[in-house]
Amino acid sequence: MKLNEAVSERLQELLLERNMTQYQLSMKSGVPKSTIGNLVHCQYDSMKLRIIHELCQGLNITISEFFNSNLFNEENLEP
Protein backbone atom coordinates (compact mmCIF):
# COMPACT_ATOMS: atom_id res chain seq x y z
CA MET A 1 0.00 0.00 0.00
CA LYS A 2 1.23 3.49 -0.78
CA LEU A 3 1.57 6.02 2.02
CA ASN A 4 -1.15 8.27 0.58
CA GLU A 5 -3.53 5.28 0.53
CA ALA A 6 -2.73 4.54 4.18
CA VAL A 7 -3.40 8.19 5.11
CA SER A 8 -6.68 8.07 3.20
CA GLU A 9 -7.83 4.87 4.93
CA ARG A 10 -6.81 6.14 8.36
CA LEU A 11 -8.60 9.45 7.85
CA GLN A 12 -11.76 7.67 6.74
CA GLU A 13 -11.53 5.34 9.77
CA LEU A 14 -11.26 8.27 12.14
CA LEU A 15 -14.13 10.15 10.51
CA LEU A 16 -16.33 7.05 10.76
CA GLU A 17 -15.39 6.45 14.42
CA ARG A 18 -16.38 10.02 15.25
CA ASN A 19 -19.45 10.06 13.00
CA MET A 20 -17.96 13.16 11.40
CA THR A 21 -18.23 14.39 7.83
CA GLN A 22 -15.42 15.88 5.77
CA TYR A 23 -17.23 19.21 6.03
CA GLN A 24 -17.34 19.03 9.84
CA LEU A 25 -13.64 18.17 9.94
CA SER A 26 -12.94 21.10 7.65
CA MET A 27 -14.79 23.46 10.00
CA LYS A 28 -12.96 22.12 13.07
CA SER A 29 -9.49 21.90 11.54
CA GLY A 30 -9.41 24.86 9.18
CA VAL A 31 -8.27 22.57 6.36
CA PRO A 32 -10.30 23.26 3.19
CA LYS A 33 -12.90 20.58 2.44
CA SER A 34 -11.42 20.23 -1.05
CA THR A 35 -8.03 19.32 0.49
CA ILE A 36 -9.66 16.73 2.76
CA GLY A 37 -11.53 15.29 -0.23
CA ASN A 38 -8.30 15.12 -2.23
CA LEU A 39 -6.59 13.26 0.63
CA VAL A 40 -9.46 10.80 0.93
CA HIS A 41 -9.44 10.17 -2.83
CA CYS A 42 -5.63 9.83 -2.99
CA GLN A 43 -5.25 12.81 -5.31
CA TYR A 44 -1.90 13.70 -3.72
CA ASP A 45 1.20 11.52 -3.91
CA SER A 46 2.39 13.20 -0.72
CA MET A 47 1.07 15.68 1.79
CA LYS A 48 2.55 18.15 4.23
CA LEU A 49 2.80 17.08 7.83
CA ARG A 50 1.30 20.46 8.73
CA ILE A 51 -1.95 19.38 7.06
CA ILE A 52 -1.97 16.11 9.00
CA HIS A 53 -1.32 18.08 12.19
CA GLU A 54 -4.25 20.43 11.50
CA LEU A 55 -6.51 17.47 10.76
CA CYS A 56 -5.44 15.86 14.01
CA GLN A 57 -6.36 19.03 15.88
CA GLY A 58 -9.80 18.92 14.26
CA LEU A 59 -10.14 15.26 15.21
CA ASN A 60 -8.91 16.05 18.74
CA ILE A 61 -6.08 13.51 18.54
CA THR A 62 -2.29 13.68 18.47
CA ILE A 63 -0.17 12.99 15.41
CA SER A 64 1.05 9.88 17.24
CA GLU A 65 -2.52 8.66 17.55
CA PHE A 66 -3.11 9.29 13.84
CA PHE A 67 -0.12 7.15 12.86
CA ASN A 68 -0.79 4.52 15.55
CA SER A 69 -2.35 2.09 13.11
CA ASN A 70 -1.24 -1.11 11.42
CA LEU A 71 -1.76 0.75 8.15
CA PHE A 72 1.56 2.49 8.81
CA ASN A 73 3.59 -0.60 9.72
CA GLU A 74 6.65 -0.64 7.50
CA GLU A 75 5.83 -4.10 6.10
CA ASN A 76 2.46 -2.76 4.89
CA LEU A 77 3.90 0.21 2.98
CA GLU A 78 5.51 0.26 -0.43
CA PRO A 79 9.02 1.74 -0.54
PDB file of N, CA and C in Angstrom:
ATOM      1  N   MET A   1       0.847  -1.172   0.000  1.00  0.00           N
ATOM      2  CA  MET A   1       0.000   0.000   0.000  1.00  0.00           C
ATOM      3  C   MET A   1       0.892   1.235   0.000  1.00  0.00           C
ATOM      4  N   LYS A   2       0.494   2.230  -0.763  1.00  0.00           N
ATOM      5  CA  LYS A   2       1.231   3.487  -0.784  1.00  0.00           C
ATOM      6  C   LYS A   2       0.874   4.307   0.451  1.00  0.00           C
ATOM      7  N   LEU A   3       1.784   5.196   0.834  1.00  0.00           N
ATOM      8  CA  LEU A   3       1.573   6.023   2.020  1.00  0.00           C
ATOM      9  C   LEU A   3       0.300   6.865   1.902  1.00  0.00           C
ATOM     10  N   ASN A   4       0.055   7.446   0.721  1.00  0.00           N
ATOM     11  CA  ASN A   4      -1.151   8.275   0.580  1.00  0.00           C
ATOM     12  C   ASN A   4      -2.422   7.448   0.729  1.00  0.00           C
ATOM     13  N   GLU A   5      -2.379   6.169   0.344  1.00  0.00           N
ATOM     14  CA  GLU A   5      -3.531   5.283   0.530  1.00  0.00           C
ATOM     15  C   GLU A   5      -3.739   4.972   2.009  1.00  0.00           C
ATOM     16  N   ALA A   6      -2.641   4.794   2.737  1.00  0.00           N
ATOM     17  CA  ALA A   6      -2.734   4.542   4.177  1.00  0.00           C
ATOM     18  C   ALA A   6      -3.314   5.764   4.892  1.00  0.00           C
ATOM     19  N   VAL A   7      -2.875   6.959   4.513  1.00  0.00           N
ATOM     20  CA  VAL A   7      -3.400   8.187   5.111  1.00  0.00           C
ATOM     21  C   VAL A   7      -4.897   8.305   4.811  1.00  0.00           C
ATOM     22  N   SER A   8      -5.279   8.018   3.591  1.00  0.00           N
ATOM     23  CA  SER A   8      -6.684   8.069   3.200  1.00  0.00           C
ATOM     24  C   SER A   8      -7.529   7.110   4.047  1.00  0.00           C
ATOM     25  N   GLU A   9      -7.079   5.866   4.146  1.00  0.00           N
ATOM     26  CA  GLU A   9      -7.827   4.871   4.926  1.00  0.00           C
ATOM     27  C   GLU A   9      -7.926   5.271   6.387  1.00  0.00           C
ATOM     28  N   ARG A  10      -6.810   5.754   6.951  1.00  0.00           N
ATOM     29  CA  ARG A  10      -6.811   6.145   8.360  1.00  0.00           C
ATOM     30  C   ARG A  10      -7.756   7.324   8.603  1.00  0.00           C
ATOM     31  N   LEU A  11      -7.730   8.291   7.724  1.00  0.00           N
ATOM     32  CA  LEU A  11      -8.598   9.451   7.854  1.00  0.00           C
ATOM     33  C   LEU A  11     -10.066   9.026   7.780  1.00  0.00           C
ATOM     34  N   GLN A  12     -10.378   8.155   6.849  1.00  0.00           N
ATOM     35  CA  GLN A  12     -11.757   7.668   6.737  1.00  0.00           C
ATOM     36  C   GLN A  12     -12.182   6.884   7.977  1.00  0.00           C
ATOM     37  N   GLU A  13     -11.268   6.073   8.525  1.00  0.00           N
ATOM     38  CA  GLU A  13     -11.534   5.338   9.771  1.00  0.00           C
ATOM     39  C   GLU A  13     -11.901   6.299  10.893  1.00  0.00           C
ATOM     40  N   LEU A  14     -11.070   7.322  11.050  1.00  0.00           N
ATOM     41  CA  LEU A  14     -11.261   8.271  12.141  1.00  0.00           C
ATOM     42  C   LEU A  14     -12.551   9.073  11.974  1.00  0.00           C
ATOM     43  N   LEU A  15     -12.876   9.432  10.754  1.00  0.00           N
ATOM     44  CA  LEU A  15     -14.134  10.147  10.509  1.00  0.00           C
ATOM     45  C   LEU A  15     -15.322   9.256  10.858  1.00  0.00           C
ATOM     46  N   LEU A  16     -15.256   7.994  10.467  1.00  0.00           N
ATOM     47  CA  LEU A  16     -16.332   7.053  10.760  1.00  0.00           C
ATOM     48  C   LEU A  16     -16.492   6.848  12.271  1.00  0.00           C
ATOM     49  N   GLU A  17     -15.358   6.648  12.969  1.00  0.00           N
ATOM     50  CA  GLU A  17     -15.392   6.445  14.421  1.00  0.00           C
ATOM     51  C   GLU A  17     -16.065   7.609  15.136  1.00  0.00           C
ATOM     52  N   ARG A  18     -15.855   8.814  14.599  1.00  0.00           N
ATOM     53  CA  ARG A  18     -16.379  10.018  15.248  1.00  0.00           C
ATOM     54  C   ARG A  18     -17.701  10.486  14.642  1.00  0.00           C
ATOM     55  N   ASN A  19     -18.207   9.691  13.679  1.00  0.00           N
ATOM     56  CA  ASN A  19     -19.450  10.057  13.003  1.00  0.00           C
ATOM     57  C   ASN A  19     -19.373  11.497  12.498  1.00  0.00           C
ATOM     58  N   MET A  20     -18.261  11.803  11.850  1.00  0.00           N
ATOM     59  CA  MET A  20     -17.959  13.158  11.402  1.00  0.00           C
ATOM     60  C   MET A  20     -17.850  13.177   9.878  1.00  0.00           C
ATOM     61  N   THR A  21     -18.346  14.237   9.273  1.00  0.00           N
ATOM     62  CA  THR A  21     -18.228  14.392   7.829  1.00  0.00           C
ATOM     63  C   THR A  21     -16.939  15.149   7.495  1.00  0.00           C
ATOM     64  N   GLN A  22     -16.581  15.100   6.226  1.00  0.00           N
ATOM     65  CA  GLN A  22     -15.422  15.876   5.771  1.00  0.00           C
ATOM     66  C   GLN A  22     -15.664  17.364   6.012  1.00  0.00           C
ATOM     67  N   TYR A  23     -16.889  17.807   5.812  1.00  0.00           N
ATOM     68  CA  TYR A  23     -17.225  19.213   6.028  1.00  0.00           C
ATOM     69  C   TYR A  23     -17.030  19.601   7.494  1.00  0.00           C
ATOM     70  N   GLN A  24     -17.503  18.752   8.401  1.00  0.00           N
ATOM     71  CA  GLN A  24     -17.341  19.030   9.836  1.00  0.00           C
ATOM     72  C   GLN A  24     -15.867  19.089  10.214  1.00  0.00           C
ATOM     73  N   LEU A  25     -15.084  18.161   9.666  1.00  0.00           N
ATOM     74  CA  LEU A  25     -13.643  18.172   9.940  1.00  0.00           C
ATOM     75  C   LEU A  25     -13.012  19.447   9.396  1.00  0.00           C
ATOM     76  N   SER A  26     -13.444  19.863   8.238  1.00  0.00           N
ATOM     77  CA  SER A  26     -12.943  21.102   7.650  1.00  0.00           C
ATOM     78  C   SER A  26     -13.216  22.290   8.576  1.00  0.00           C
ATOM     79  N   MET A  27     -14.416  22.357   9.096  1.00  0.00           N
ATOM     80  CA  MET A  27     -14.790  23.457   9.997  1.00  0.00           C
ATOM     81  C   MET A  27     -13.960  23.436  11.290  1.00  0.00           C
ATOM     82  N   LYS A  28     -13.705  22.241  11.813  1.00  0.00           N
ATOM     83  CA  LYS A  28     -12.964  22.121  13.073  1.00  0.00           C
ATOM     84  C   LYS A  28     -11.462  22.286  12.903  1.00  0.00           C
ATOM     85  N   SER A  29     -10.939  21.906  11.741  1.00  0.00           N
ATOM     86  CA  SER A  29      -9.486  21.903  11.543  1.00  0.00           C
ATOM     87  C   SER A  29      -8.973  23.132  10.792  1.00  0.00           C
ATOM     88  N   GLY A  30      -9.849  23.750  10.019  1.00  0.00           N
ATOM     89  CA  GLY A  30      -9.415  24.861   9.182  1.00  0.00           C
ATOM     90  C   GLY A  30      -8.812  24.420   7.855  1.00  0.00           C
ATOM     91  N   VAL A  31      -8.775  23.119   7.621  1.00  0.00           N
ATOM     92  CA  VAL A  31      -8.269  22.575   6.359  1.00  0.00           C
ATOM     93  C   VAL A  31      -9.430  22.616   5.354  1.00  0.00           C
ATOM     94  N   PRO A  32      -9.209  23.187   4.175  1.00  0.00           N
ATOM     95  CA  PRO A  32     -10.301  23.255   3.195  1.00  0.00           C
ATOM     96  C   PRO A  32     -10.901  21.876   2.899  1.00  0.00           C
ATOM     97  N   LYS A  33     -12.224  21.842   2.730  1.00  0.00           N
ATOM     98  CA  LYS A  33     -12.902  20.576   2.439  1.00  0.00           C
ATOM     99  C   LYS A  33     -12.348  19.937   1.169  1.00  0.00           C
ATOM    100  N   SER A  34     -11.974  20.770   0.200  1.00  0.00           N
ATOM    101  CA  SER A  34     -11.417  20.230  -1.047  1.00  0.00           C
ATOM    102  C   SER A  34     -10.107  19.485  -0.786  1.00  0.00           C
ATOM    103  N   THR A  35      -9.297  19.982   0.143  1.00  0.00           N
ATOM    104  CA  THR A  35      -8.032  19.318   0.487  1.00  0.00           C
ATOM    105  C   THR A  35      -8.312  17.980   1.161  1.00  0.00           C
ATOM    106  N   ILE A  36      -9.287  17.977   2.078  1.00  0.00           N
ATOM    107  CA  ILE A  36      -9.657  16.728   2.756  1.00  0.00           C
ATOM    108  C   ILE A  36     -10.170  15.719   1.732  1.00  0.00           C
ATOM    109  N   GLY A  37     -11.014  16.169   0.817  1.00  0.00           N
ATOM    110  CA  GLY A  37     -11.525  15.286  -0.232  1.00  0.00           C
ATOM    111  C   GLY A  37     -10.407  14.732  -1.098  1.00  0.00           C
ATOM    112  N   ASN A  38      -9.439  15.580  -1.426  1.00  0.00           N
ATOM    113  CA  ASN A  38      -8.299  15.124  -2.226  1.00  0.00           C
ATOM    114  C   ASN A  38      -7.471  14.087  -1.483  1.00  0.00           C
ATOM    115  N   LEU A  39      -7.311  14.258  -0.168  1.00  0.00           N
ATOM    116  CA  LEU A  39      -6.585  13.260   0.629  1.00  0.00           C
ATOM    117  C   LEU A  39      -7.341  11.937   0.643  1.00  0.00           C
ATOM    118  N   VAL A  40      -8.633  12.009   0.866  1.00  0.00           N
ATOM    119  CA  VAL A  40      -9.460  10.800   0.926  1.00  0.00           C
ATOM    120  C   VAL A  40      -9.445  10.056  -0.408  1.00  0.00           C
ATOM    121  N   HIS A  41      -9.414  10.794  -1.505  1.00  0.00           N
ATOM    122  CA  HIS A  41      -9.445  10.165  -2.825  1.00  0.00           C
ATOM    123  C   HIS A  41      -8.052   9.968  -3.432  1.00  0.00           C
ATOM    124  N   CYS A  42      -7.016  10.086  -2.591  1.00  0.00           N
ATOM    125  CA  CYS A  42      -5.629   9.827  -2.989  1.00  0.00           C
ATOM    126  C   CYS A  42      -5.193  10.663  -4.186  1.00  0.00           C
ATOM    127  N   GLN A  43      -5.616  11.909  -4.216  1.00  0.00           N
ATOM    128  CA  GLN A  43      -5.245  12.807  -5.313  1.00  0.00           C
ATOM    129  C   GLN A  43      -3.824  13.343  -5.165  1.00  0.00           C
ATOM    130  N   TYR A  44      -3.266  13.222  -3.969  1.00  0.00           N
ATOM    131  CA  TYR A  44      -1.903  13.696  -3.719  1.00  0.00           C
ATOM    132  C   TYR A  44      -0.983  12.510  -3.535  1.00  0.00           C
ATOM    133  N   ASP A  45       0.200  12.557  -4.148  1.00  0.00           N
ATOM    134  CA  ASP A  45       1.199  11.517  -3.910  1.00  0.00           C
ATOM    135  C   ASP A  45       1.813  11.677  -2.528  1.00  0.00           C
ATOM    136  N   SER A  46       1.871  12.926  -2.058  1.00  0.00           N
ATOM    137  CA  SER A  46       2.394  13.204  -0.722  1.00  0.00           C
ATOM    138  C   SER A  46       1.621  14.386  -0.152  1.00  0.00           C
ATOM    139  N   MET A  47       1.752  14.567   1.152  1.00  0.00           N
ATOM    140  CA  MET A  47       1.071  15.677   1.790  1.00  0.00           C
ATOM    141  C   MET A  47       1.968  16.252   2.867  1.00  0.00           C
ATOM    142  N   LYS A  48       1.731  17.506   3.214  1.00  0.00           N
ATOM    143  CA  LYS A  48       2.547  18.146   4.233  1.00  0.00           C
ATOM    144  C   LYS A  48       2.116  17.669   5.609  1.00  0.00           C
ATOM    145  N   LEU A  49       3.088  17.487   6.466  1.00  0.00           N
ATOM    146  CA  LEU A  49       2.799  17.078   7.834  1.00  0.00           C
ATOM    147  C   LEU A  49       1.953  18.131   8.541  1.00  0.00           C
ATOM    148  N   ARG A  50       2.102  19.390   8.144  1.00  0.00           N
ATOM    149  CA  ARG A  50       1.304  20.463   8.732  1.00  0.00           C
ATOM    150  C   ARG A  50      -0.186  20.200   8.523  1.00  0.00           C
ATOM    151  N   ILE A  51      -0.550  19.697   7.348  1.00  0.00           N
ATOM    152  CA  ILE A  51      -1.954  19.382   7.057  1.00  0.00           C
ATOM    153  C   ILE A  51      -2.434  18.255   7.969  1.00  0.00           C
ATOM    154  N   ILE A  52      -1.619  17.219   8.112  1.00  0.00           N
ATOM    155  CA  ILE A  52      -1.974  16.108   9.003  1.00  0.00           C
ATOM    156  C   ILE A  52      -2.141  16.636  10.425  1.00  0.00           C
ATOM    157  N   HIS A  53      -1.242  17.508  10.855  1.00  0.00           N
ATOM    158  CA  HIS A  53      -1.318  18.085  12.194  1.00  0.00           C
ATOM    159  C   HIS A  53      -2.626  18.858  12.383  1.00  0.00           C
ATOM    160  N   GLU A  54      -3.003  19.662  11.402  1.00  0.00           N
ATOM    161  CA  GLU A  54      -4.246  20.434  11.496  1.00  0.00           C
ATOM    162  C   GLU A  54      -5.462  19.511  11.520  1.00  0.00           C
ATOM    163  N   LEU A  55      -5.422  18.446  10.727  1.00  0.00           N
ATOM    164  CA  LEU A  55      -6.515  17.473  10.755  1.00  0.00           C
ATOM    165  C   LEU A  55      -6.611  16.809  12.118  1.00  0.00           C
ATOM    166  N   CYS A  56      -5.464  16.483  12.687  1.00  0.00           N
ATOM    167  CA  CYS A  56      -5.445  15.863  14.013  1.00  0.00           C
ATOM    168  C   CYS A  56      -6.058  16.795  15.060  1.00  0.00           C
ATOM    169  N   GLN A  57      -5.764  18.070  14.954  1.00  0.00           N
ATOM    170  CA  GLN A  57      -6.365  19.032  15.884  1.00  0.00           C
ATOM    171  C   GLN A  57      -7.881  19.027  15.736  1.00  0.00           C
ATOM    172  N   GLY A  58      -8.368  18.977  14.504  1.00  0.00           N
ATOM    173  CA  GLY A  58      -9.800  18.921  14.258  1.00  0.00           C
ATOM    174  C   GLY A  58     -10.438  17.636  14.754  1.00  0.00           C
ATOM    175  N   LEU A  59      -9.666  16.551  14.721  1.00  0.00           N
ATOM    176  CA  LEU A  59     -10.144  15.257  15.209  1.00  0.00           C
ATOM    177  C   LEU A  59      -9.927  15.094  16.716  1.00  0.00           C
ATOM    178  N   ASN A  60      -9.231  16.063  17.311  1.00  0.00           N
ATOM    179  CA  ASN A  60      -8.913  16.050  18.739  1.00  0.00           C
ATOM    180  C   ASN A  60      -8.055  14.837  19.112  1.00  0.00           C
ATOM    181  N   ILE A  61      -7.041  14.573  18.268  1.00  0.00           N
ATOM    182  CA  ILE A  61      -6.082  13.511  18.536  1.00  0.00           C
ATOM    183  C   ILE A  61      -4.678  14.054  18.279  1.00  0.00           C
ATOM    184  N   THR A  62      -3.677  13.303  18.730  1.00  0.00           N
ATOM    185  CA  THR A  62      -2.293  13.680  18.473  1.00  0.00           C
ATOM    186  C   THR A  62      -1.844  13.064  17.140  1.00  0.00           C
ATOM    187  N   ILE A  63      -0.738  13.579  16.631  1.00  0.00           N
ATOM    188  CA  ILE A  63      -0.170  12.990  15.415  1.00  0.00           C
ATOM    189  C   ILE A  63       0.203  11.535  15.679  1.00  0.00           C
ATOM    190  N   SER A  64       0.704  11.266  16.880  1.00  0.00           N
ATOM    191  CA  SER A  64       1.054   9.883  17.236  1.00  0.00           C
ATOM    192  C   SER A  64      -0.159   8.975  17.151  1.00  0.00           C
ATOM    193  N   GLU A  65      -1.299   9.462  17.618  1.00  0.00           N
ATOM    194  CA  GLU A  65      -2.524   8.662  17.548  1.00  0.00           C
ATOM    195  C   GLU A  65      -2.945   8.429  16.096  1.00  0.00           C
ATOM    196  N   PHE A  66      -2.757   9.444  15.259  1.00  0.00           N
ATOM    197  CA  PHE A  66      -3.109   9.285  13.840  1.00  0.00           C
ATOM    198  C   PHE A  66      -2.295   8.150  13.221  1.00  0.00           C
ATOM    199  N   PHE A  67      -0.997   8.140  13.480  1.00  0.00           N
ATOM    200  CA  PHE A  67      -0.118   7.149  12.860  1.00  0.00           C
ATOM    201  C   PHE A  67      -0.049   5.833  13.636  1.00  0.00           C
ATOM    202  N   ASN A  68      -0.754   5.746  14.757  1.00  0.00           N
ATOM    203  CA  ASN A  68      -0.785   4.520  15.550  1.00  0.00           C
ATOM    204  C   ASN A  68      -1.825   3.566  14.960  1.00  0.00           C
ATOM    205  N   SER A  69      -1.470   2.998  13.832  1.00  0.00           N
ATOM    206  CA  SER A  69      -2.352   2.087  13.110  1.00  0.00           C
ATOM    207  C   SER A  69      -1.487   1.104  12.330  1.00  0.00           C
ATOM    208  N   ASN A  70      -1.981  -0.113  12.205  1.00  0.00           N
ATOM    209  CA  ASN A  70      -1.245  -1.113  11.424  1.00  0.00           C
ATOM    210  C   ASN A  70      -1.068  -0.687   9.978  1.00  0.00           C
ATOM    211  N   LEU A  71      -1.894   0.252   9.522  1.00  0.00           N
ATOM    212  CA  LEU A  71      -1.759   0.748   8.153  1.00  0.00           C
ATOM    213  C   LEU A  71      -0.362   1.309   7.899  1.00  0.00           C
ATOM    214  N   PHE A  72       0.264   1.834   8.963  1.00  0.00           N
ATOM    215  CA  PHE A  72       1.562   2.487   8.811  1.00  0.00           C
ATOM    216  C   PHE A  72       2.737   1.599   9.206  1.00  0.00           C
ATOM    217  N   ASN A  73       2.482   0.320   9.470  1.00  0.00           N
ATOM    218  CA  ASN A  73       3.592  -0.596   9.718  1.00  0.00           C
ATOM    219  C   ASN A  73       4.433  -0.697   8.450  1.00  0.00           C
ATOM    220  N   GLU A  74       5.720  -0.669   8.637  1.00  0.00           N
ATOM    221  CA  GLU A  74       6.650  -0.639   7.496  1.00  0.00           C
ATOM    222  C   GLU A  74       6.385  -1.771   6.499  1.00  0.00           C
ATOM    223  N   GLU A  75       6.043  -2.962   7.006  1.00  0.00           N
ATOM    224  CA  GLU A  75       5.827  -4.098   6.097  1.00  0.00           C
ATOM    225  C   GLU A  75       4.550  -3.921   5.254  1.00  0.00           C
ATOM    226  N   ASN A  76       3.692  -2.993   5.645  1.00  0.00           N
ATOM    227  CA  ASN A  76       2.458  -2.762   4.889  1.00  0.00           C
ATOM    228  C   ASN A  76       2.595  -1.661   3.843  1.00  0.00           C
ATOM    229  N   LEU A  77       3.709  -0.928   3.870  1.00  0.00           N
ATOM    230  CA  LEU A  77       3.898   0.208   2.979  1.00  0.00           C
ATOM    231  C   LEU A  77       4.889  -0.109   1.859  1.00  0.00           C
ATOM    232  N   GLU A  78       4.574   0.402   0.682  1.00  0.00           N
ATOM    233  CA  GLU A  78       5.509   0.259  -0.434  1.00  0.00           C
ATOM    234  C   GLU A  78       6.678   1.228  -0.223  1.00  0.00           C
ATOM    235  N   PRO A  79       7.870   0.842  -0.687  1.00  0.00           N
ATOM    236  CA  PRO A  79       9.021   1.743  -0.537  1.00  0.00           C
ATOM    237  C   PRO A  79       8.877   3.010  -1.362  1.00  0.00           C
TER     238      PRO A  79
END
